[in-house]
Amino acid sequence: MHDAESRRISRQLTDPGTERCFDASDVMPPAVRDAFHESVLLFLDSPEVAPRLKSIQAVQDAERGKLVRSGRLAPGEPWMRGICSK
């Protein structure tokens, strides 16, 4: 069935000019996104949450610290912004 809603969804998924946010990793800086993806894979092998979260948080803190030290981000300012955070 090709009703109006189906056409709208199809356009959103296929239009190259449409920004898409499929999960939270779409808004993460590359290093944080990579740590997140690695932790997901490691979790599948050993389902322990706390070490995975600590690992991701350490990378996130390091990336945020780089931005603050470079002057590109003020302390306390939100920093992971993107289409997912609208």
N, C-alpha and C. Protein backbone atom coordinates (compact mmCIF):
# COMPACT_ATOMS: atom_id res chain seq x y z
N MET A 1 0.84 -1.18 0.00
CA MET A 1 0.00 0.00 0.00
C MET A 1 0.89 1.24 0.00
N HIS A 2 0.55 2.23 -0.82
CA HIS A 2 1.36 3.44 -0.95
C HIS A 2 0.55 4.65 -0.50
N ASP A 3 0.21 4.68 0.76
CA ASP A 3 -0.53 5.82 1.27
C ASP A 3 0.45 6.98 1.52
N ALA A 4 -0.07 8.12 1.90
CA ALA A 4 0.75 9.32 2.10
C ALA A 4 1.83 9.10 3.16
N GLU A 5 1.52 8.41 4.23
CA GLU A 5 2.49 8.17 5.30
C GLU A 5 3.63 7.27 4.81
N SER A 6 3.31 6.25 4.06
CA SER A 6 4.34 5.37 3.50
C SER A 6 5.26 6.14 2.56
N ARG A 7 4.69 7.01 1.75
CA ARG A 7 5.52 7.82 0.83
C ARG A 7 6.43 8.77 1.62
N ARG A 8 5.90 9.37 2.69
CA ARG A 8 6.71 10.28 3.50
C ARG A 8 7.88 9.52 4.13
N ILE A 9 7.62 8.36 4.68
CA ILE A 9 8.67 7.56 5.30
C ILE A 9 9.71 7.14 4.25
N SER A 10 9.25 6.74 3.10
CA SER A 10 10.15 6.35 2.02
C SER A 10 11.06 7.51 1.63
N ARG A 11 10.49 8.71 1.51
CA ARG A 11 11.29 9.89 1.17
C ARG A 11 12.35 10.15 2.24
N GLN A 12 11.97 10.06 3.51
CA GLN A 12 12.91 10.30 4.59
C GLN A 12 14.08 9.31 4.58
N LEU A 13 13.80 8.09 4.21
CA LEU A 13 14.84 7.06 4.22
C LEU A 13 15.71 7.06 2.97
N THR A 14 15.20 7.59 1.86
CA THR A 14 15.96 7.52 0.61
C THR A 14 16.47 8.85 0.09
N ASP A 15 15.95 9.97 0.56
CA ASP A 15 16.39 11.28 0.08
C ASP A 15 17.78 11.58 0.62
N PRO A 16 18.78 11.75 -0.26
CA PRO A 16 20.14 12.00 0.22
C PRO A 16 20.28 13.31 0.99
N GLY A 17 19.36 14.23 0.82
CA GLY A 17 19.43 15.51 1.53
C GLY A 17 18.80 15.49 2.90
N THR A 18 18.19 14.38 3.28
CA THR A 18 17.52 14.27 4.57
C THR A 18 18.50 13.79 5.63
N GLU A 19 18.59 14.53 6.74
CA GLU A 19 19.43 14.08 7.84
C GLU A 19 18.68 13.01 8.62
N ARG A 20 19.40 11.95 8.98
CA ARG A 20 18.77 10.86 9.70
C ARG A 20 19.52 10.58 11.00
N CYS A 21 18.79 10.21 12.00
CA CYS A 21 19.36 9.83 13.29
C CYS A 21 18.78 8.46 13.64
N PHE A 22 19.60 7.43 13.50
CA PHE A 22 19.12 6.08 13.77
C PHE A 22 19.35 5.65 15.22
N ASP A 23 20.44 6.11 15.82
CA ASP A 23 20.68 5.82 17.23
C ASP A 23 21.60 6.89 17.81
N ALA A 24 21.86 6.81 19.08
CA ALA A 24 22.63 7.84 19.77
C ALA A 24 24.04 7.98 19.21
N SER A 25 24.59 6.93 18.63
CA SER A 25 25.95 7.03 18.11
C SER A 25 26.06 8.01 16.94
N ASP A 26 24.93 8.36 16.33
CA ASP A 26 24.95 9.33 15.23
C ASP A 26 25.38 10.72 15.69
N VAL A 27 25.27 11.01 16.97
CA VAL A 27 25.62 12.33 17.49
C VAL A 27 26.96 12.30 18.24
N MET A 28 27.53 11.13 18.42
CA MET A 28 28.78 11.00 19.18
C MET A 28 29.99 11.36 18.32
N PRO A 29 30.99 11.98 18.96
CA PRO A 29 32.26 12.17 18.25
C PRO A 29 32.81 10.80 17.86
N PRO A 30 33.61 10.72 16.80
CA PRO A 30 34.09 9.43 16.31
C PRO A 30 34.73 8.54 17.38
N ALA A 31 35.57 9.09 18.25
CA ALA A 31 36.23 8.26 19.27
C ALA A 31 35.22 7.67 20.25
N VAL A 32 34.22 8.45 20.62
CA VAL A 32 33.20 7.97 21.55
C VAL A 32 32.31 6.94 20.85
N ARG A 33 31.96 7.22 19.60
CA ARG A 33 31.15 6.27 18.83
C ARG A 33 31.87 4.93 18.70
N ASP A 34 33.16 4.99 18.41
CA ASP A 34 33.93 3.75 18.25
C ASP A 34 34.01 2.97 19.58
N ALA A 35 34.19 3.69 20.69
CA ALA A 35 34.21 3.03 22.00
C ALA A 35 32.86 2.40 22.31
N PHE A 36 31.80 3.10 21.94
CA PHE A 36 30.44 2.57 22.14
C PHE A 36 30.24 1.29 21.34
N HIS A 37 30.59 1.33 20.06
CA HIS A 37 30.42 0.14 19.22
C HIS A 37 31.26 -1.04 19.71
N GLU A 38 32.50 -0.74 20.11
CA GLU A 38 33.36 -1.80 20.63
C GLU A 38 32.76 -2.40 21.91
N SER A 39 32.24 -1.54 22.78
CA SER A 39 31.64 -2.03 24.02
C SER A 39 30.42 -2.89 23.76
N VAL A 40 29.65 -2.54 22.75
CA VAL A 40 28.48 -3.36 22.41
C VAL A 40 28.93 -4.76 22.00
N LEU A 41 29.97 -4.82 21.18
CA LEU A 41 30.47 -6.13 20.74
C LEU A 41 31.06 -6.92 21.90
N LEU A 42 31.80 -6.23 22.78
CA LEU A 42 32.36 -6.92 23.94
C LEU A 42 31.26 -7.40 24.88
N PHE A 43 30.20 -6.63 25.00
CA PHE A 43 29.07 -7.01 25.85
C PHE A 43 28.44 -8.31 25.37
N LEU A 44 28.39 -8.50 24.06
CA LEU A 44 27.81 -9.73 23.52
C LEU A 44 28.60 -10.95 23.96
N ASP A 45 29.90 -10.77 24.13
CA ASP A 45 30.76 -11.88 24.57
C ASP A 45 30.71 -12.05 26.09
N SER A 46 30.63 -10.94 26.81
CA SER A 46 30.64 -10.97 28.28
C SER A 46 29.71 -9.87 28.77
N PRO A 47 28.46 -10.22 29.11
CA PRO A 47 27.44 -9.21 29.42
C PRO A 47 27.61 -8.54 30.79
N GLU A 48 28.70 -7.81 30.93
CA GLU A 48 28.93 -7.01 32.12
C GLU A 48 28.80 -5.55 31.72
N VAL A 49 27.88 -4.83 32.34
CA VAL A 49 27.59 -3.46 31.92
C VAL A 49 28.57 -2.44 32.50
N ALA A 50 28.86 -2.53 33.78
CA ALA A 50 29.66 -1.50 34.46
C ALA A 50 31.01 -1.24 33.78
N PRO A 51 31.80 -2.27 33.45
CA PRO A 51 33.09 -1.98 32.81
C PRO A 51 32.93 -1.34 31.44
N ARG A 52 31.88 -1.70 30.74
CA ARG A 52 31.65 -1.12 29.41
C ARG A 52 31.31 0.37 29.53
N LEU A 53 30.44 0.68 30.49
CA LEU A 53 30.06 2.07 30.68
C LEU A 53 31.24 2.92 31.13
N LYS A 54 32.07 2.37 32.01
CA LYS A 54 33.26 3.10 32.47
C LYS A 54 34.21 3.38 31.31
N SER A 55 34.37 2.41 30.44
CA SER A 55 35.24 2.57 29.29
C SER A 55 34.74 3.67 28.35
N ILE A 56 33.46 3.64 28.05
CA ILE A 56 32.87 4.66 27.18
C ILE A 56 32.97 6.03 27.84
N GLN A 57 32.69 6.11 29.14
CA GLN A 57 32.75 7.38 29.85
C GLN A 57 34.17 7.95 29.84
N ALA A 58 35.18 7.09 29.99
CA ALA A 58 36.56 7.56 29.97
C ALA A 58 36.91 8.19 28.63
N VAL A 59 36.49 7.56 27.54
CA VAL A 59 36.74 8.11 26.21
C VAL A 59 35.98 9.43 26.04
N GLN A 60 34.74 9.45 26.48
CA GLN A 60 33.93 10.66 26.36
C GLN A 60 34.57 11.81 27.14
N ASP A 61 35.01 11.55 28.36
CA ASP A 61 35.65 12.59 29.18
C ASP A 61 36.92 13.10 28.51
N ALA A 62 37.70 12.20 27.94
CA ALA A 62 38.94 12.59 27.27
C ALA A 62 38.64 13.47 26.05
N GLU A 63 37.65 13.09 25.27
CA GLU A 63 37.30 13.87 24.08
C GLU A 63 36.76 15.25 24.46
N ARG A 64 35.92 15.30 25.47
CA ARG A 64 35.39 16.58 25.93
C ARG A 64 36.52 17.46 26.47
N GLY A 65 37.43 16.85 27.23
CA GLY A 65 38.58 17.59 27.76
C GLY A 65 39.42 18.22 26.66
N LYS A 66 39.61 17.50 25.56
CA LYS A 66 40.37 18.05 24.43
C LYS A 66 39.71 19.32 23.90
N LEU A 67 38.39 19.29 23.79
CA LEU A 67 37.66 20.45 23.28
C LEU A 67 37.76 21.64 24.23
N VAL A 68 37.65 21.37 25.53
CA VAL A 68 37.74 22.44 26.52
C VAL A 68 39.15 23.04 26.51
N ARG A 69 40.17 22.19 26.52
CA ARG A 69 41.56 22.68 26.52
C ARG A 69 41.89 23.47 25.27
N SER A 70 41.27 23.12 24.15
CA SER A 70 41.55 23.84 22.90
C SER A 70 40.78 25.15 22.81
N GLY A 71 39.86 25.39 23.74
CA GLY A 71 39.07 26.61 23.73
C GLY A 71 37.86 26.54 22.81
N ARG A 72 37.63 25.40 22.20
CA ARG A 72 36.48 25.26 21.30
C ARG A 72 35.19 24.96 22.04
N LEU A 73 35.30 24.72 23.36
CA LEU A 73 34.13 24.42 24.18
C LEU A 73 34.36 24.99 25.57
N ALA A 74 33.35 25.70 26.06
CA ALA A 74 33.45 26.24 27.42
C ALA A 74 33.12 25.15 28.43
N PRO A 75 33.76 25.17 29.60
CA PRO A 75 33.41 24.18 30.62
C PRO A 75 31.91 24.25 30.93
N GLY A 76 31.28 23.10 31.03
CA GLY A 76 29.86 23.04 31.33
C GLY A 76 28.95 23.19 30.13
N GLU A 77 29.50 23.58 28.98
CA GLU A 77 28.69 23.74 27.76
C GLU A 77 28.36 22.37 27.18
N PRO A 78 27.11 22.17 26.73
CA PRO A 78 26.78 20.90 26.07
C PRO A 78 27.67 20.73 24.83
N TRP A 79 28.09 19.51 24.58
CA TRP A 79 29.03 19.36 23.48
C TRP A 79 28.66 18.33 22.44
N MET A 80 27.86 17.36 22.74
CA MET A 80 27.47 16.40 21.71
C MET A 80 26.13 16.83 21.14
N ARG A 81 26.21 17.66 20.14
CA ARG A 81 25.00 18.17 19.51
C ARG A 81 24.93 17.64 18.09
N GLY A 82 23.76 17.51 17.60
CA GLY A 82 23.56 17.05 16.24
C GLY A 82 22.11 16.81 15.98
N ILE A 83 21.81 16.12 14.91
CA ILE A 83 20.43 15.93 14.53
C ILE A 83 19.66 15.12 15.56
N CYS A 84 20.35 14.29 16.33
CA CYS A 84 19.66 13.48 17.34
C CYS A 84 19.27 14.31 18.56
N SER A 85 19.93 15.44 18.74
CA SER A 85 19.69 16.24 19.95
C SER A 85 18.72 17.38 19.72
N LYS A 86 18.10 17.42 18.55
CA LYS A 86 17.14 18.49 18.26
C LYS A 86 15.85 18.25 18.96
